[in-house]
Amino acid sequence: MSGFRFPVGRLPDEALLSGLATGDPELAVAFVRRFQHRVFGVAMTVIGDRQIAEDIAQQTFERAWRHAQIYDSRRGSVTTWLTTIAHNLAVDAVRARRTEPVAPEDLDALVGAVTETPERWALADEASSQLRAAVARLPRGQARALVMAGIYGMTAQQIADLEQIPLGTAKTRIRAAMAKLRTTLGSPNRGDHVQ
């Protein structure tokens, strides 16, 4: 590694990611060491189980290695990109483990807790901040329906049953929330649908 002007540990994040993509063992080790605590912390915050969080951290680095070539610095820092991967894997693991829907009284606490965690700092790019703010401005019933459908993957029927509201009301709340988010965030219609 005589081509480097300074120690590997002082290389920019993007250079380490490029080294990971090329399979350079020294740069790959430096990359993992730089981000391992942060990635594990995000996984642990979401999942709450040390063994599963370790597995998620390993999967995160494997995915980063496989997809390093598609990293785009215009969309966020390496840290944000990597912790987003960890967060998404952890959320998927939570969904896979969950056998019962979240109780309505617990949902309010979960929505509040998500805004004040280390994962918030890791995912604090402009888009996610705007999305959180837009969801917070929605009427409570619409926000709850949107979170249950979007984050917990519940169908409109499951939401109606859980909230003890008619199916049509659940669908209307989800659609109205999505329409308000599209207007607020200026996102194009992506053809979303409610089951």
Protein backbone atom coordinates (compact mmCIF):
# COMPACT_ATOMS: atom_id res chain seq x y z
CA MET A 1 0.00 0.00 0.00
CA SER A 2 2.90 2.33 -0.65
CA GLY A 3 0.75 4.40 -3.08
CA PHE A 4 -1.13 6.04 -0.21
CA ARG A 5 0.12 9.39 1.04
CA PHE A 6 -1.23 8.93 4.56
CA PRO A 7 -2.38 6.04 6.78
CA VAL A 8 -5.34 3.98 5.59
CA GLY A 9 -7.29 4.91 8.71
CA ARG A 10 -7.25 8.57 7.65
CA LEU A 11 -8.61 7.98 4.15
CA PRO A 12 -12.00 9.56 3.34
CA ASP A 13 -15.07 7.33 3.69
CA GLU A 14 -15.58 7.26 -0.09
CA ALA A 15 -12.01 6.01 -0.64
CA LEU A 16 -12.52 3.19 1.85
CA LEU A 17 -15.81 2.27 0.18
CA SER A 18 -14.05 2.16 -3.20
CA GLY A 19 -11.38 -0.07 -1.67
CA LEU A 20 -14.08 -2.35 -0.29
CA ALA A 21 -15.61 -2.59 -3.78
CA THR A 22 -12.28 -3.55 -5.33
CA GLY A 23 -11.68 -6.24 -2.72
CA ASP A 24 -8.61 -4.63 -1.17
CA PRO A 25 -8.33 -6.48 2.18
CA GLU A 26 -6.59 -3.64 4.05
CA LEU A 27 -9.17 -1.06 2.95
CA ALA A 28 -12.04 -3.48 3.62
CA VAL A 29 -10.85 -4.01 7.20
CA ALA A 30 -10.43 -0.25 7.69
CA PHE A 31 -13.95 0.33 6.31
CA VAL A 32 -15.53 -2.20 8.68
CA ARG A 33 -13.58 -0.89 11.68
CA ARG A 34 -14.64 2.69 10.94
CA PHE A 35 -18.35 1.90 10.78
CA GLN A 36 -18.87 -1.29 12.82
CA HIS A 37 -19.99 0.39 16.04
CA ARG A 38 -22.39 2.75 14.29
CA VAL A 39 -23.93 -0.03 12.16
CA PHE A 40 -24.27 -2.34 15.15
CA GLY A 41 -25.80 0.52 17.17
CA VAL A 42 -28.48 1.17 14.57
CA ALA A 43 -29.31 -2.54 14.33
CA MET A 44 -29.38 -2.92 18.12
CA THR A 45 -31.62 0.12 18.53
CA VAL A 46 -34.17 -1.27 16.10
CA ILE A 47 -34.01 -4.99 16.92
CA GLY A 48 -33.08 -5.05 20.61
CA ASP A 49 -31.37 -8.45 20.36
CA ARG A 50 -27.56 -8.54 20.40
CA GLN A 51 -27.16 -11.75 18.33
CA ILE A 52 -29.58 -10.64 15.64
CA ALA A 53 -28.03 -7.15 15.62
CA GLU A 54 -24.62 -8.73 14.99
CA ASP A 55 -26.08 -10.73 12.10
CA ILE A 56 -27.67 -7.58 10.68
CA ALA A 57 -24.36 -5.72 10.96
CA GLN A 58 -22.63 -8.49 9.02
CA GLN A 59 -25.38 -8.47 6.37
CA THR A 60 -25.02 -4.68 6.13
CA PHE A 61 -21.32 -4.90 5.30
CA GLU A 62 -21.95 -7.72 2.82
CA ARG A 63 -24.60 -5.64 1.08
CA ALA A 64 -22.30 -2.60 1.08
CA TRP A 65 -19.58 -4.70 -0.54
CA ARG A 66 -21.97 -6.01 -3.22
CA HIS A 67 -23.47 -2.58 -3.96
CA ALA A 68 -20.51 -0.26 -3.41
CA GLN A 69 -20.37 0.57 -7.11
CA ILE A 70 -23.86 2.12 -7.05
CA TYR A 71 -23.18 4.43 -4.10
CA ASP A 72 -23.99 8.04 -5.11
CA SER A 73 -22.48 10.77 -2.92
CA ARG A 74 -25.13 13.24 -4.17
CA ARG A 75 -27.77 11.28 -2.26
CA GLY A 76 -25.96 11.31 1.09
CA SER A 77 -22.78 10.45 2.91
CA VAL A 78 -21.31 6.96 3.15
CA THR A 79 -22.38 6.94 6.80
CA THR A 80 -25.99 7.73 5.92
CA TRP A 81 -26.00 5.16 3.11
CA LEU A 82 -24.56 2.44 5.33
CA THR A 83 -26.77 3.13 8.34
CA THR A 84 -29.82 3.22 6.07
CA ILE A 85 -28.92 -0.27 4.86
CA ALA A 86 -28.58 -1.42 8.49
CA HIS A 87 -31.86 0.23 9.46
CA ASN A 88 -33.76 -1.36 6.57
CA LEU A 89 -32.35 -4.81 7.31
CA ALA A 90 -33.24 -4.42 11.00
CA VAL A 91 -36.79 -3.31 10.21
CA ASP A 92 -37.17 -6.30 7.89
CA ALA A 93 -35.97 -8.56 10.72
CA VAL A 94 -38.49 -7.01 13.13
CA ARG A 95 -41.29 -7.55 10.61
CA ALA A 96 -40.24 -11.15 10.08
CA ARG A 97 -40.22 -11.82 13.84
CA ARG A 98 -43.51 -10.07 14.58
CA THR A 99 -46.40 -12.50 14.89
CA GLU A 100 -48.97 -10.07 16.27
CA PRO A 101 -49.95 -6.59 15.12
CA VAL A 102 -48.95 -3.65 17.30
CA ALA A 103 -51.58 -2.66 19.81
CA PRO A 104 -53.05 0.79 19.06
CA GLU A 105 -52.04 2.09 22.48
CA ASP A 106 -48.41 1.05 21.79
CA LEU A 107 -48.30 2.66 18.36
CA ASP A 108 -48.28 6.22 19.71
CA ALA A 109 -45.25 5.43 21.87
CA LEU A 110 -43.44 3.79 18.93
CA VAL A 111 -44.09 6.76 16.63
CA GLY A 112 -42.69 9.12 19.29
CA ALA A 113 -39.71 6.91 20.07
CA VAL A 114 -38.54 6.73 16.47
CA THR A 115 -37.87 10.47 16.42
CA GLU A 116 -35.38 10.46 19.31
CA THR A 117 -32.99 7.57 18.71
CA PRO A 118 -29.46 7.15 17.35
CA GLU A 119 -31.13 5.88 14.21
CA ARG A 120 -32.63 9.38 13.78
CA TRP A 121 -29.17 10.87 13.76
CA ALA A 122 -27.94 8.28 11.30
CA LEU A 123 -30.87 8.89 8.96
CA ALA A 124 -31.06 12.65 9.41
CA ASP A 125 -30.63 13.53 5.79
CA GLU A 126 -32.93 16.18 4.40
CA ALA A 127 -35.45 13.83 2.78
CA SER A 128 -36.12 11.76 5.89
CA SER A 129 -36.40 14.91 8.02
CA GLN A 130 -38.95 16.33 5.61
CA LEU A 131 -40.89 13.07 5.59
CA ARG A 132 -40.99 12.85 9.41
CA ALA A 133 -42.15 16.46 9.63
CA ALA A 134 -44.85 15.88 7.00
CA VAL A 135 -46.13 12.76 8.80
CA ALA A 136 -46.16 14.66 12.11
CA ARG A 137 -48.43 17.32 10.54
CA LEU A 138 -51.01 14.77 9.41
CA PRO A 139 -54.18 14.28 11.47
CA ARG A 140 -53.51 11.58 14.08
CA GLY A 141 -55.82 8.96 12.53
CA GLN A 142 -54.26 9.40 9.10
CA ALA A 143 -50.72 9.31 10.50
CA ARG A 144 -51.47 6.11 12.44
CA ALA A 145 -53.03 4.43 9.39
CA LEU A 146 -50.08 5.47 7.23
CA VAL A 147 -47.52 4.16 9.73
CA MET A 148 -49.36 0.87 10.17
CA ALA A 149 -49.57 0.37 6.40
CA GLY A 150 -46.20 1.77 5.40
CA ILE A 151 -43.92 0.67 8.22
CA TYR A 152 -45.66 -2.39 9.62
CA GLY A 153 -46.98 -3.62 6.27
CA MET A 154 -50.54 -4.00 7.51
CA THR A 155 -53.44 -4.21 5.07
CA ALA A 156 -56.36 -1.79 5.21
CA GLN A 157 -58.50 -4.61 6.63
CA GLN A 158 -55.99 -5.25 9.42
CA ILE A 159 -55.90 -1.53 10.21
CA ALA A 160 -59.71 -1.35 10.24
CA ASP A 161 -59.89 -4.32 12.61
CA LEU A 162 -57.19 -2.96 14.90
CA GLU A 163 -58.56 0.59 14.99
CA GLN A 164 -62.17 -0.68 15.14
CA ILE A 165 -63.22 1.45 12.17
CA PRO A 166 -64.97 0.55 8.90
CA LEU A 167 -62.73 -0.77 6.11
CA GLY A 168 -63.64 2.20 3.90
CA THR A 169 -62.51 4.62 6.62
CA ALA A 170 -59.15 2.86 6.93
CA LYS A 171 -58.63 3.04 3.16
CA THR A 172 -59.67 6.70 3.09
CA ARG A 173 -57.23 7.57 5.88
CA ILE A 174 -54.34 5.88 4.08
CA ARG A 175 -55.20 7.49 0.73
CA ALA A 176 -55.71 10.93 2.27
CA ALA A 177 -52.40 10.68 4.14
CA MET A 178 -50.56 9.64 0.97
CA ALA A 179 -52.17 12.47 -1.02
CA LYS A 180 -51.17 15.01 1.63
CA LEU A 181 -47.59 13.68 1.68
CA ARG A 182 -47.41 13.87 -2.13
CA THR A 183 -48.57 17.47 -2.02
CA THR A 184 -46.29 18.42 0.86
CA LEU A 185 -43.19 16.65 -0.44
CA GLY A 186 -43.88 17.21 -4.13
CA SER A 187 -43.38 13.52 -4.98
CA PRO A 188 -44.83 12.10 -8.19
CA ASN A 189 -47.72 9.67 -8.11
CA ARG A 190 -46.17 6.23 -7.92
CA GLY A 191 -49.34 4.25 -8.38
CA ASP A 192 -49.56 3.16 -4.76
CA HIS A 193 -52.50 1.05 -3.76
CA VAL A 194 -54.25 -0.12 -0.63
CA GLN A 195 -55.09 -3.77 -0.12
